[in-house]
C-alpha atoms as a PDB file:
ATOM      1  CA  MET A   1     224.100 102.526 100.620  1.00  0.00           C
ATOM      2  CA  ARG A   2     227.812 101.856 101.731  1.00  0.00           C
ATOM      3  CA  ILE A   3     229.277 104.636 103.557  1.00  0.00           C
ATOM      4  CA  LEU A   4     231.914 103.100 105.795  1.00  0.00           C
ATOM      5  CA  GLY A   5     234.102 100.401 105.115  1.00  0.00           C
ATOM      6  CA  ILE A   6     237.475  99.456 104.770  1.00  0.00           C
ATOM      7  CA  ALA A   7     237.836 101.528 101.382  1.00  0.00           C
ATOM      8  CA  LEU A   8     240.057  99.649  99.065  1.00  0.00           C
ATOM      9  CA  CYS A   9     240.841 100.407  95.331  1.00  0.00           C
ATOM     10  CA  LEU A  10     242.267  98.027  92.664  1.00  0.00           C
ATOM     11  CA  LEU A  11     244.117 100.567  90.619  1.00  0.00           C
ATOM     12  CA  ALA A  12     245.965  98.488  88.041  1.00  0.00           C
ATOM     13  CA  ALA A  13     243.802  96.366  85.683  1.00  0.00           C
ATOM     14  CA  CYS A  14     243.792  92.606  86.467  1.00  0.00           C
ATOM     15  CA  SER A  15     246.314  90.560  83.838  1.00  0.00           C
ATOM     16  CA  SER A  16     245.337  86.920  82.947  1.00  0.00           C
ATOM     17  CA  THR A  17     249.174  86.020  82.219  1.00  0.00           C
ATOM     18  CA  LYS A  18     251.923  86.680  84.700  1.00  0.00           C
ATOM     19  CA  LYS A  19     254.142  89.399  84.245  1.00  0.00           C
ATOM     20  CA  GLU A  20     256.840  91.253  86.234  1.00  0.00           C
ATOM     21  CA  GLY A  21     255.008  93.324  89.239  1.00  0.00           C
ATOM     22  CA  PRO A  22     254.748  96.759  89.725  1.00  0.00           C
ATOM     23  CA  SER A  23     258.385  98.312  90.467  1.00  0.00           C
ATOM     24  CA  ALA A  24     259.431  99.638  94.025  1.00  0.00           C
ATOM     25  CA  ALA A  25     258.675 103.006  93.210  1.00  0.00           C
ATOM     26  CA  GLN A  26     255.367 102.304  91.469  1.00  0.00           C
ATOM     27  CA  LEU A  27     254.431 100.414  94.486  1.00  0.00           C
ATOM     28  CA  GLU A  28     255.548 103.331  96.633  1.00  0.00           C
ATOM     29  CA  GLU A  29     253.469 105.964  94.625  1.00  0.00           C
ATOM     30  CA  GLU A  30     250.285 103.697  94.520  1.00  0.00           C
ATOM     31  CA  ASN A  31     250.331 103.333  98.370  1.00  0.00           C
ATOM     32  CA  ARG A  32     251.182 106.924  98.901  1.00  0.00           C
ATOM     33  CA  LYS A  33     248.041 107.931  96.867  1.00  0.00           C
ATOM     34  CA  LEU A  34     245.702 105.090  98.596  1.00  0.00           C
ATOM     35  CA  VAL A  35     246.914 106.329 102.231  1.00  0.00           C
ATOM     36  CA  ALA A  36     246.323 110.322 100.950  1.00  0.00           C
ATOM     37  CA  PHE A  37     243.097 109.524  99.452  1.00  0.00           C
ATOM     38  CA  HIS A  38     241.901 107.052 102.591  1.00  0.00           C
ATOM     39  CA  THR A  39     243.001 109.845 104.994  1.00  0.00           C
ATOM     40  CA  ASP A  40     240.991 112.134 103.293  1.00  0.00           C
ATOM     41  CA  ILE A  41     238.068 110.152 104.056  1.00  0.00           C
ATOM     42  CA  TRP A  42     239.185 109.345 108.093  1.00  0.00           C
ATOM     43  CA  LYS A  43     239.354 112.956 108.463  1.00  0.00           C
ATOM     44  CA  LEU A  44     236.346 113.998 107.301  1.00  0.00           C
ATOM     45  CA  MET A  45     234.770 111.373 109.457  1.00  0.00           C
ATOM     46  CA  GLY A  46     236.484 113.122 112.348  1.00  0.00           C
ATOM     47  CA  LEU A  47     238.629 109.985 113.108  1.00  0.00           C
ATOM     48  CA  SER A  48     241.443 110.469 115.406  1.00  0.00           C
ATOM     49  CA  GLN A  49     245.266 109.873 114.279  1.00  0.00           C
ATOM     50  CA  ALA A  50     245.381 106.604 115.789  1.00  0.00           C
ATOM     51  CA  ALA A  51     242.498 105.262 114.464  1.00  0.00           C
ATOM     52  CA  GLN A  52     243.687 106.438 110.692  1.00  0.00           C
ATOM     53  CA  ASP A  53     247.068 104.829 111.653  1.00  0.00           C
ATOM     54  CA  GLU A  54     245.191 101.569 111.954  1.00  0.00           C
ATOM     55  CA  LEU A  55     243.140 101.787 109.229  1.00  0.00           C
ATOM     56  CA  ASN A  56     245.740 102.981 106.928  1.00  0.00           C
ATOM     57  CA  LYS A  57     248.100  99.729 107.637  1.00  0.00           C
ATOM     58  CA  PHE A  58     245.039  97.954 106.826  1.00  0.00           C
ATOM     59  CA  VAL A  59     245.088  99.667 103.465  1.00  0.00           C
ATOM     60  CA  LEU A  60     248.555  99.059 102.971  1.00  0.00           C
ATOM     61  CA  GLY A  61     248.659  95.634 103.906  1.00  0.00           C
ATOM     62  CA  VAL A  62     245.870  94.576 101.762  1.00  0.00           C
ATOM     63  CA  ASN A  63     247.028  96.536  98.810  1.00  0.00           C
ATOM     64  CA  LYS A  64     250.492  94.854  99.053  1.00  0.00           C
ATOM     65  CA  ASN A  65     249.183  91.556  99.148  1.00  0.00           C
ATOM     66  CA  LEU A  66     246.628  92.330  96.116  1.00  0.00           C
ATOM     67  CA  GLN A  67     249.846  93.411  94.098  1.00  0.00           C
ATOM     68  CA  HIS A  68     251.742  90.144  95.342  1.00  0.00           C
ATOM     69  CA  ASN A  69     248.804  87.866  94.367  1.00  0.00           C
ATOM     70  CA  ARG A  70     247.937  89.602  91.165  1.00  0.00           C
ATOM     71  CA  HIS A  71     251.511  89.420  89.765  1.00  0.00           C
ATOM     72  CA  HIS A  72     252.759  85.903  91.203  1.00  0.00           C
ATOM     73  CA  ASP A  73     249.290  83.969  91.050  1.00  0.00           C
ATOM     74  CA  SER A  74     247.149  85.856  88.462  1.00  0.00           C
ATOM     75  CA  GLU A  75     245.299  82.829  87.609  1.00  0.00           C
ATOM     76  CA  LYS A  76     243.913  82.217  90.948  1.00  0.00           C
ATOM     77  CA  PHE A  77     243.816  85.942  91.719  1.00  0.00           C
ATOM     78  CA  ASN A  78     241.431  86.371  88.290  1.00  0.00           C
ATOM     79  CA  ALA A  79     239.240  83.291  89.232  1.00  0.00           C
ATOM     80  CA  ILE A  80     237.953  85.221  92.261  1.00  0.00           C
ATOM     81  CA  ARG A  81     234.864  86.879  91.231  1.00  0.00           C
ATOM     82  CA  GLU A  82     233.438  90.060  92.985  1.00  0.00           C
ATOM     83  CA  LYS A  83     230.887  89.446  95.502  1.00  0.00           C
ATOM     84  CA  ARG A  84     228.787  92.296  96.039  1.00  0.00           C
ATOM     85  CA  ASP A  85     225.216  91.822  97.244  1.00  0.00           C
ATOM     86  CA  PRO A  86     223.384  93.278  94.518  1.00  0.00           C
ATOM     87  CA  ASN A  87     220.720  94.758  96.775  1.00  0.00           C
ATOM     88  CA  TRP A  88     223.323  96.224  99.010  1.00  0.00           C
ATOM     89  CA  GLN A  89     222.165  99.876  98.372  1.00  0.00           C
ATOM     90  CA  LYS A  90     218.593  98.897  99.608  1.00  0.00           C
ATOM     91  CA  GLN A  91     219.888  97.819 103.030  1.00  0.00           C
ATOM     92  CA  THR A  92     218.086  98.644 106.011  1.00  0.00           C
ATOM     93  CA  ARG A  93     220.236 100.401 108.864  1.00  0.00           C
ATOM     94  CA  GLU A  94     220.438  97.324 111.027  1.00  0.00           C
ATOM     95  CA  GLU A  95     221.665  95.174 108.073  1.00  0.00           C
ATOM     96  CA  TYR A  96     224.253  97.944 107.228  1.00  0.00           C
ATOM     97  CA  VAL A  97     225.484  98.064 110.500  1.00  0.00           C
ATOM     98  CA  ARG A  98     225.713  94.141 111.249  1.00  0.00           C
ATOM     99  CA  LYS A  99     227.599  93.817 107.973  1.00  0.00           C
ATOM    100  CA  HIS A 100     230.127  96.301 108.768  1.00  0.00           C
ATOM    101  CA  ARG A 101     230.398  94.981 112.309  1.00  0.00           C
ATOM    102  CA  GLU A 102     231.169  91.471 110.927  1.00  0.00           C
ATOM    103  CA  ARG A 103     233.663  92.964 108.460  1.00  0.00           C
ATOM    104  CA  PHE A 104     235.515  94.906 110.836  1.00  0.00           C
ATOM    105  CA  THR A 105     235.788  91.972 113.413  1.00  0.00           C
ATOM    106  CA  LYS A 106     237.079  89.878 110.769  1.00  0.00           C
ATOM    107  CA  LEU A 107     239.653  92.446 109.873  1.00  0.00           C
ATOM    108  CA  GLY A 108     240.640  92.563 113.561  1.00  0.00           C
ATOM    109  CA  ILE A 109     240.165  96.213 113.720  1.00  0.00           C
ATOM    110  CA  SER A 110     240.418  97.260 117.432  1.00  0.00           C
ATOM    111  CA  GLU A 111     237.297  98.167 119.208  1.00  0.00           C
ATOM    112  CA  ALA A 112     238.256 101.657 119.657  1.00  0.00           C
ATOM    113  CA  THR A 113     238.707 102.238 115.989  1.00  0.00           C
ATOM    114  CA  GLN A 114     235.494 100.519 115.678  1.00  0.00           C
ATOM    115  CA  GLN A 115     233.557 102.403 117.738  1.00  0.00           C
ATOM    116  CA  GLU A 116     234.904 105.824 115.878  1.00  0.00           C
ATOM    117  CA  LEU A 117     233.708 104.384 112.498  1.00  0.00           C
ATOM    118  CA  PHE A 118     230.468 103.481 114.084  1.00  0.00           C
ATOM    119  CA  SER A 119     230.101 107.269 115.661  1.00  0.00           C
ATOM    120  CA  ALA A 120     231.077 108.317 112.069  1.00  0.00           C
ATOM    121  CA  MET A 121     228.692 106.173 110.355  1.00  0.00           C
ATOM    122  CA  GLU A 122     225.877 107.191 112.521  1.00  0.00           C
ATOM    123  CA  PHE A 123     226.594 110.897 111.981  1.00  0.00           C
ATOM    124  CA  VAL A 124     226.459 110.143 107.773  1.00  0.00           C
ATOM    125  CA  TRP A 125     223.388 107.844 108.345  1.00  0.00           C
ATOM    126  CA  LYS A 126     221.435 110.805 110.080  1.00  0.00           C
ATOM    127  CA  ALA A 127     223.081 113.567 108.191  1.00  0.00           C
ATOM    128  CA  LEU A 128     221.903 111.791 104.541  1.00  0.00           C
ATOM    129  CA  HIS A 129     218.419 110.409 106.044  1.00  0.00           C
ATOM    130  CA  ALA A 130     217.055 112.674 109.026  1.00  0.00           C
ATOM    131  CA  PRO A 131     215.045 115.497 108.374  1.00  0.00           C
ATOM    132  CA  ASN A 132     216.156 119.077 109.890  1.00  0.00           C
ATOM    133  CA  VAL A 133     219.753 118.460 109.139  1.00  0.00           C
ATOM    134  CA  PRO A 134     221.839 121.329 109.069  1.00  0.00           C
ATOM    135  CA  GLU A 135     223.173 121.832 105.731  1.00  0.00           C
ATOM    136  CA  LYS A 136     226.979 121.610 106.656  1.00  0.00           C
ATOM    137  CA  ASP A 137     226.438 118.258 108.267  1.00  0.00           C
ATOM    138  CA  ARG A 138     224.412 116.828 105.177  1.00  0.00           C
ATOM    139  CA  GLU A 139     227.414 118.476 102.886  1.00  0.00           C
ATOM    140  CA  VAL A 140     230.066 116.577 104.720  1.00  0.00           C
ATOM    141  CA  ALA A 141     227.986 113.341 104.816  1.00  0.00           C
ATOM    142  CA  LYS A 142     227.388 113.970 101.163  1.00  0.00           C
ATOM    143  CA  LYS A 143     231.213 114.373 100.392  1.00  0.00           C
ATOM    144  CA  ILE A 144     232.210 111.197 102.127  1.00  0.00           C
ATOM    145  CA  GLN A 145     229.285 109.324 100.321  1.00  0.00           C
ATOM    146  CA  GLU A 146     230.757 110.711  97.082  1.00  0.00           C
ATOM    147  CA  MET A 147     234.578 109.702  98.169  1.00  0.00           C
ATOM    148  CA  MET A 148     233.632 106.114  98.958  1.00  0.00           C
ATOM    149  CA  LYS A 149     231.582 105.939  95.507  1.00  0.00           C
ATOM    150  CA  GLN A 150     235.253 106.300  94.023  1.00  0.00           C
ATOM    151  CA  LEU A 151     236.304 103.081  95.572  1.00  0.00           C
ATOM    152  CA  PRO A 152     234.233 100.211  93.928  1.00  0.00           C
ATOM    153  CA  LYS A 153     235.467  97.529  95.644  1.00  0.00           C
ATOM    154  CA  CYS A 154     234.998  99.013  99.073  1.00  0.00           C
ATOM    155  CA  CYS A 155     231.641  96.759  99.473  1.00  0.00           C
ATOM    156  CA  ASP A 156     233.031  93.823  97.691  1.00  0.00           C
ATOM    157  CA  ASP A 157     234.149  90.939  99.953  1.00  0.00           C
ATOM    158  CA  SER A 158     236.125  89.007  97.408  1.00  0.00           C
ATOM    159  CA  ILE A 159     238.860  91.942  97.669  1.00  0.00           C
ATOM    160  CA  PHE A 160     239.928  90.096 100.969  1.00  0.00           C
ATOM    161  CA  GLU A 161     240.287  86.753  99.121  1.00  0.00           C
ATOM    162  CA  ARG A 162     242.192  88.232  96.487  1.00  0.00           C
ATOM    163  CA  ALA A 163     244.380  89.790  99.284  1.00  0.00           C
ATOM    164  CA  ALA A 164     244.597  86.647 101.214  1.00  0.00           C
ATOM    165  CA  ALA A 165     248.202  86.291 102.996  1.00  0.00           C
ATOM    166  CA  HIS A 166     250.782  84.766 100.730  1.00  0.00           C
END
């Protein structure tokens, strides 16, 4: 089960032929929606404004690169297949933490933000798995989990290959 991660979604369908990319207004609207959705998740996690700002910069940077690569090198973009571990939902807590630490480090997320993310992860993990958790905490954890599920590519490392800087 993945609860955290740099949650990123691909909003437009991939095209196998080159075409004109989204207009500046379309990209701005997509970015606004991505940041709003991610900010809602960050707030539920209790992340500081500094951590939210740092993570949203990653969201915007990755989305910008995805859009560029999707429309300027669609053959290469479409050739990169999803690399999601089919057993990701069966991970132990230790595997889950290790994989996220590796991803956060690769992305260059600051240690302070990583600490906040891991604190939030610990809260969610306990709220979902520990007995005798206050119902309010369990509900918050479930809400975070459901929101993360709306971002199906968040656990797919190929997203970073697709978003490789141009």
